[in-house]
Amino acid sequence: MRTKKVHNGHTKPVFYRLPARLLEAGMSTQDGQDIVQVTAGGQLVFVSVYTPRPDVLDQDERNLCEPETRLCQADDWVGLAVFEDTDVDGSDYAEAELADR
């Protein structure tokens, strides 16, 4: 698991979920992927994610150049997390549902 520091008042990882239509670049998935792009097309949401590797910068660059695309329905719930290096914390969005961990 990635190491945590205080982020938006949190002192440990926060796990939550949001409808896919609310996803944004900069959020992190619950499985440790970083969301780099979100494209909505009607009822479908295309989410490009990559595996960050800050400990191995060459691998991090390669991973970023070869993102994985996930396809969701706009109202599908997506598991997310706030980690130390998460840029966008959606856990305080009105629609967010916090997970019990």
N, C-alpha and C. Protein backbone atom coordinates (compact mmCIF):
# COMPACT_ATOMS: atom_id res chain seq x y z
N MET A 1 0.84 -1.18 0.00
CA MET A 1 0.00 0.00 0.00
C MET A 1 0.89 1.24 0.00
N ARG A 2 0.44 2.28 -0.65
CA ARG A 2 1.21 3.50 -0.73
C ARG A 2 1.22 4.22 0.62
N THR A 3 2.30 4.91 0.91
CA THR A 3 2.45 5.61 2.18
C THR A 3 1.57 6.85 2.22
N LYS A 4 1.03 7.19 3.38
CA LYS A 4 0.10 8.29 3.49
C LYS A 4 0.64 9.46 4.29
N LYS A 5 0.19 10.61 3.95
CA LYS A 5 0.37 11.81 4.77
C LYS A 5 -0.99 12.48 4.82
N VAL A 6 -1.10 13.59 5.49
CA VAL A 6 -2.38 14.29 5.56
C VAL A 6 -2.74 14.83 4.18
N HIS A 7 -3.96 14.56 3.74
CA HIS A 7 -4.46 15.05 2.45
C HIS A 7 -5.91 15.46 2.67
N ASN A 8 -6.21 16.71 2.52
CA ASN A 8 -7.57 17.23 2.75
C ASN A 8 -8.07 16.84 4.14
N GLY A 9 -7.17 16.86 5.12
CA GLY A 9 -7.54 16.55 6.48
C GLY A 9 -7.49 15.07 6.84
N HIS A 10 -7.18 14.21 5.88
CA HIS A 10 -7.11 12.77 6.14
C HIS A 10 -5.68 12.40 6.54
N THR A 11 -5.55 11.48 7.49
CA THR A 11 -4.23 11.05 7.92
C THR A 11 -3.89 9.64 7.46
N LYS A 12 -4.80 8.98 6.78
CA LYS A 12 -4.56 7.64 6.23
C LYS A 12 -5.37 7.53 4.95
N PRO A 13 -5.17 6.48 4.15
CA PRO A 13 -5.93 6.36 2.90
C PRO A 13 -7.44 6.39 3.17
N VAL A 14 -8.16 7.05 2.29
CA VAL A 14 -9.61 7.11 2.37
C VAL A 14 -10.16 6.39 1.15
N PHE A 15 -11.02 5.42 1.37
CA PHE A 15 -11.63 4.67 0.28
C PHE A 15 -13.09 5.09 0.15
N TYR A 16 -13.51 5.31 -1.07
CA TYR A 16 -14.87 5.79 -1.32
C TYR A 16 -15.28 5.40 -2.73
N ARG A 17 -16.51 5.71 -3.10
CA ARG A 17 -16.94 5.46 -4.47
C ARG A 17 -17.79 6.61 -4.97
N LEU A 18 -17.77 6.77 -6.28
CA LEU A 18 -18.53 7.80 -6.97
C LEU A 18 -19.12 7.21 -8.24
N PRO A 19 -20.21 7.80 -8.74
CA PRO A 19 -20.69 7.42 -10.07
C PRO A 19 -19.63 7.80 -11.11
N ALA A 20 -19.49 6.96 -12.13
CA ALA A 20 -18.45 7.19 -13.15
C ALA A 20 -18.56 8.57 -13.80
N ARG A 21 -19.76 9.11 -13.92
CA ARG A 21 -19.94 10.42 -14.56
C ARG A 21 -19.25 11.55 -13.80
N LEU A 22 -18.85 11.31 -12.54
CA LEU A 22 -18.20 12.33 -11.73
C LEU A 22 -16.68 12.16 -11.63
N LEU A 23 -16.14 11.16 -12.30
CA LEU A 23 -14.70 10.94 -12.25
C LEU A 23 -13.96 12.08 -12.92
N GLU A 24 -12.75 12.36 -12.41
CA GLU A 24 -11.90 13.43 -12.94
C GLU A 24 -10.46 12.95 -13.03
N ALA A 25 -9.76 13.49 -13.99
CA ALA A 25 -8.31 13.27 -14.04
C ALA A 25 -7.71 13.77 -12.73
N GLY A 26 -6.77 12.99 -12.19
CA GLY A 26 -6.14 13.35 -10.92
C GLY A 26 -6.64 12.55 -9.74
N MET A 27 -7.76 11.83 -9.92
CA MET A 27 -8.26 10.95 -8.87
C MET A 27 -7.47 9.64 -8.92
N SER A 28 -7.54 8.86 -7.85
CA SER A 28 -6.90 7.54 -7.79
C SER A 28 -7.96 6.48 -7.59
N THR A 29 -7.80 5.34 -8.28
CA THR A 29 -8.72 4.23 -8.09
C THR A 29 -8.33 3.46 -6.83
N GLN A 30 -9.25 2.66 -6.32
CA GLN A 30 -8.97 1.92 -5.08
C GLN A 30 -7.87 0.88 -5.27
N ASP A 31 -7.58 0.51 -6.53
CA ASP A 31 -6.50 -0.46 -6.78
C ASP A 31 -5.17 0.22 -7.11
N GLY A 32 -5.07 1.53 -6.81
CA GLY A 32 -3.79 2.23 -6.91
C GLY A 32 -3.46 2.83 -8.26
N GLN A 33 -4.41 2.85 -9.17
CA GLN A 33 -4.18 3.46 -10.49
C GLN A 33 -4.47 4.96 -10.39
N ASP A 34 -3.76 5.75 -11.19
CA ASP A 34 -4.05 7.18 -11.29
C ASP A 34 -4.88 7.42 -12.54
N ILE A 35 -5.95 8.19 -12.41
CA ILE A 35 -6.78 8.54 -13.56
C ILE A 35 -6.11 9.70 -14.29
N VAL A 36 -5.81 9.48 -15.58
CA VAL A 36 -5.13 10.52 -16.36
C VAL A 36 -6.06 11.20 -17.35
N GLN A 37 -7.18 10.55 -17.70
CA GLN A 37 -8.13 11.17 -18.63
C GLN A 37 -9.50 10.53 -18.47
N VAL A 38 -10.53 11.35 -18.57
CA VAL A 38 -11.91 10.87 -18.51
C VAL A 38 -12.64 11.47 -19.70
N THR A 39 -13.29 10.61 -20.48
CA THR A 39 -14.04 11.05 -21.65
C THR A 39 -15.44 10.47 -21.57
N ALA A 40 -16.44 11.34 -21.58
CA ALA A 40 -17.83 10.88 -21.54
C ALA A 40 -18.40 10.90 -22.95
N GLY A 41 -19.14 9.85 -23.26
CA GLY A 41 -19.82 9.75 -24.55
C GLY A 41 -21.20 9.17 -24.33
N GLY A 42 -22.19 10.02 -24.19
CA GLY A 42 -23.54 9.54 -23.89
C GLY A 42 -23.58 8.90 -22.54
N GLN A 43 -24.02 7.64 -22.48
CA GLN A 43 -24.10 6.92 -21.21
C GLN A 43 -22.81 6.16 -20.88
N LEU A 44 -21.78 6.32 -21.70
CA LEU A 44 -20.51 5.64 -21.46
C LEU A 44 -19.45 6.62 -20.99
N VAL A 45 -18.57 6.14 -20.12
CA VAL A 45 -17.45 6.93 -19.63
C VAL A 45 -16.18 6.11 -19.86
N PHE A 46 -15.24 6.69 -20.59
CA PHE A 46 -13.95 6.06 -20.84
C PHE A 46 -12.95 6.66 -19.86
N VAL A 47 -12.30 5.81 -19.08
CA VAL A 47 -11.38 6.26 -18.04
C VAL A 47 -9.99 5.69 -18.34
N SER A 48 -9.03 6.56 -18.61
CA SER A 48 -7.65 6.13 -18.84
C SER A 48 -6.90 6.20 -17.52
N VAL A 49 -6.27 5.07 -17.16
CA VAL A 49 -5.53 4.98 -15.89
C VAL A 49 -4.14 4.43 -16.14
N TYR A 50 -3.25 4.71 -15.23
CA TYR A 50 -1.91 4.12 -15.29
C TYR A 50 -1.43 3.79 -13.90
N THR A 51 -0.45 2.88 -13.84
CA THR A 51 0.14 2.48 -12.57
C THR A 51 1.33 3.38 -12.26
N PRO A 52 1.23 4.25 -11.26
CA PRO A 52 2.36 5.11 -10.92
C PRO A 52 3.49 4.31 -10.27
N ARG A 53 4.71 4.65 -10.62
CA ARG A 53 5.90 4.02 -10.04
C ARG A 53 6.91 5.11 -9.69
N PRO A 54 6.63 5.92 -8.67
CA PRO A 54 7.55 7.00 -8.31
C PRO A 54 8.91 6.50 -7.84
N ASP A 55 9.00 5.22 -7.48
CA ASP A 55 10.26 4.64 -7.03
C ASP A 55 11.16 4.23 -8.18
N VAL A 56 10.58 4.08 -9.39
CA VAL A 56 11.35 3.70 -10.59
C VAL A 56 10.88 4.63 -11.72
N LEU A 57 11.55 5.76 -11.86
CA LEU A 57 11.08 6.81 -12.76
C LEU A 57 10.99 6.38 -14.22
N ASP A 58 11.92 5.55 -14.70
CA ASP A 58 11.84 5.07 -16.08
C ASP A 58 10.57 4.24 -16.29
N GLN A 59 10.27 3.38 -15.33
CA GLN A 59 9.05 2.56 -15.43
C GLN A 59 7.80 3.43 -15.34
N ASP A 60 7.84 4.45 -14.48
CA ASP A 60 6.72 5.37 -14.35
C ASP A 60 6.44 6.05 -15.69
N GLU A 61 7.48 6.50 -16.37
CA GLU A 61 7.32 7.14 -17.69
C GLU A 61 6.71 6.18 -18.69
N ARG A 62 7.20 4.93 -18.71
CA ARG A 62 6.65 3.93 -19.63
C ARG A 62 5.18 3.65 -19.33
N ASN A 63 4.87 3.50 -18.06
CA ASN A 63 3.48 3.24 -17.68
C ASN A 63 2.57 4.39 -18.09
N LEU A 64 3.04 5.61 -17.92
CA LEU A 64 2.24 6.78 -18.28
C LEU A 64 2.01 6.86 -19.79
N CYS A 65 2.97 6.40 -20.57
CA CYS A 65 2.85 6.41 -22.04
C CYS A 65 1.94 5.29 -22.55
N GLU A 66 1.64 4.31 -21.70
CA GLU A 66 0.81 3.17 -22.11
C GLU A 66 -0.33 2.96 -21.11
N PRO A 67 -1.24 3.95 -21.01
CA PRO A 67 -2.33 3.81 -20.04
C PRO A 67 -3.32 2.72 -20.45
N GLU A 68 -4.05 2.25 -19.47
CA GLU A 68 -5.13 1.27 -19.67
C GLU A 68 -6.43 2.07 -19.73
N THR A 69 -7.35 1.66 -20.59
CA THR A 69 -8.65 2.33 -20.66
C THR A 69 -9.72 1.42 -20.09
N ARG A 70 -10.48 1.97 -19.17
CA ARG A 70 -11.60 1.25 -18.56
C ARG A 70 -12.90 1.88 -19.06
N LEU A 71 -13.90 1.08 -19.29
CA LEU A 71 -15.18 1.54 -19.80
C LEU A 71 -16.25 1.32 -18.73
N CYS A 72 -17.01 2.37 -18.44
CA CYS A 72 -18.07 2.28 -17.43
C CYS A 72 -19.34 2.91 -17.98
N GLN A 73 -20.46 2.48 -17.45
CA GLN A 73 -21.71 3.19 -17.67
C GLN A 73 -21.66 4.45 -16.78
N ALA A 74 -22.30 5.52 -17.21
CA ALA A 74 -22.22 6.79 -16.49
C ALA A 74 -22.66 6.67 -15.03
N ASP A 75 -23.63 5.78 -14.75
CA ASP A 75 -24.13 5.66 -13.38
C ASP A 75 -23.51 4.50 -12.61
N ASP A 76 -22.53 3.80 -13.20
CA ASP A 76 -21.81 2.75 -12.48
C ASP A 76 -21.02 3.37 -11.33
N TRP A 77 -20.99 2.69 -10.20
CA TRP A 77 -20.18 3.15 -9.07
C TRP A 77 -18.76 2.66 -9.25
N VAL A 78 -17.80 3.55 -9.02
CA VAL A 78 -16.38 3.24 -9.20
C VAL A 78 -15.67 3.40 -7.85
N GLY A 79 -14.90 2.38 -7.47
CA GLY A 79 -14.14 2.43 -6.22
C GLY A 79 -12.91 3.31 -6.38
N LEU A 80 -12.76 4.26 -5.48
CA LEU A 80 -11.66 5.24 -5.51
C LEU A 80 -10.97 5.29 -4.16
N ALA A 81 -9.83 5.98 -4.13
CA ALA A 81 -9.10 6.17 -2.88
C ALA A 81 -8.34 7.48 -2.92
N VAL A 82 -8.05 7.99 -1.76
CA VAL A 82 -7.19 9.17 -1.62
C VAL A 82 -5.88 8.67 -1.01
N PHE A 83 -4.81 8.77 -1.81
CA PHE A 83 -3.48 8.41 -1.35
C PHE A 83 -2.65 9.69 -1.19
N GLU A 84 -1.46 9.54 -0.68
CA GLU A 84 -0.55 10.67 -0.46
C GLU A 84 -0.37 11.52 -1.72
N ASP A 85 -0.28 10.87 -2.86
CA ASP A 85 0.01 11.60 -4.10
C ASP A 85 -1.21 11.81 -4.98
N THR A 86 -2.41 11.60 -4.43
CA THR A 86 -3.64 11.83 -5.19
C THR A 86 -3.86 13.33 -5.34
N ASP A 87 -4.06 13.77 -6.58
CA ASP A 87 -4.25 15.20 -6.83
C ASP A 87 -5.67 15.68 -6.57
N VAL A 88 -6.66 14.85 -6.87
CA VAL A 88 -8.06 15.26 -6.72
C VAL A 88 -8.73 14.34 -5.72
N ASP A 89 -9.20 14.91 -4.62
CA ASP A 89 -9.88 14.17 -3.56
C ASP A 89 -11.38 14.37 -3.73
N GLY A 90 -12.06 13.33 -4.21
CA GLY A 90 -13.50 13.42 -4.39
C GLY A 90 -14.28 12.84 -3.23
N SER A 91 -13.60 12.47 -2.16
CA SER A 91 -14.27 11.83 -1.03
C SER A 91 -15.24 12.76 -0.31
N ASP A 92 -15.11 14.06 -0.55
CA ASP A 92 -16.02 15.00 0.10
C ASP A 92 -17.11 15.50 -0.86
N TYR A 93 -17.20 14.93 -2.06
CA TYR A 93 -18.28 15.28 -2.98
C TYR A 93 -19.60 14.83 -2.37
N ALA A 94 -20.67 15.55 -2.65
CA ALA A 94 -21.99 15.22 -2.09
C ALA A 94 -22.41 13.80 -2.45
N GLU A 95 -22.05 13.32 -3.64
CA GLU A 95 -22.45 12.00 -4.10
C GLU A 95 -21.54 10.88 -3.59
N ALA A 96 -20.42 11.21 -2.98
CA ALA A 96 -19.44 10.20 -2.55
C ALA A 96 -20.01 9.34 -1.43
N GLU A 97 -19.70 8.04 -1.52
CA GLU A 97 -20.04 7.11 -0.45
C GLU A 97 -18.75 6.57 0.11
N LEU A 98 -18.48 6.86 1.39
CA LEU A 98 -17.25 6.39 2.02
C LEU A 98 -17.36 4.90 2.30
N ALA A 99 -16.25 4.21 2.10
CA ALA A 99 -16.19 2.77 2.34
C ALA A 99 -15.73 2.51 3.77
N ASP A 100 -16.24 1.45 4.35
CA ASP A 100 -15.77 1.03 5.68
C ASP A 100 -14.52 0.20 5.48
N ARG A 101 -13.41 0.61 6.08
CA ARG A 101 -12.15 -0.13 5.96
C ARG A 101 -11.54 -0.24 7.33
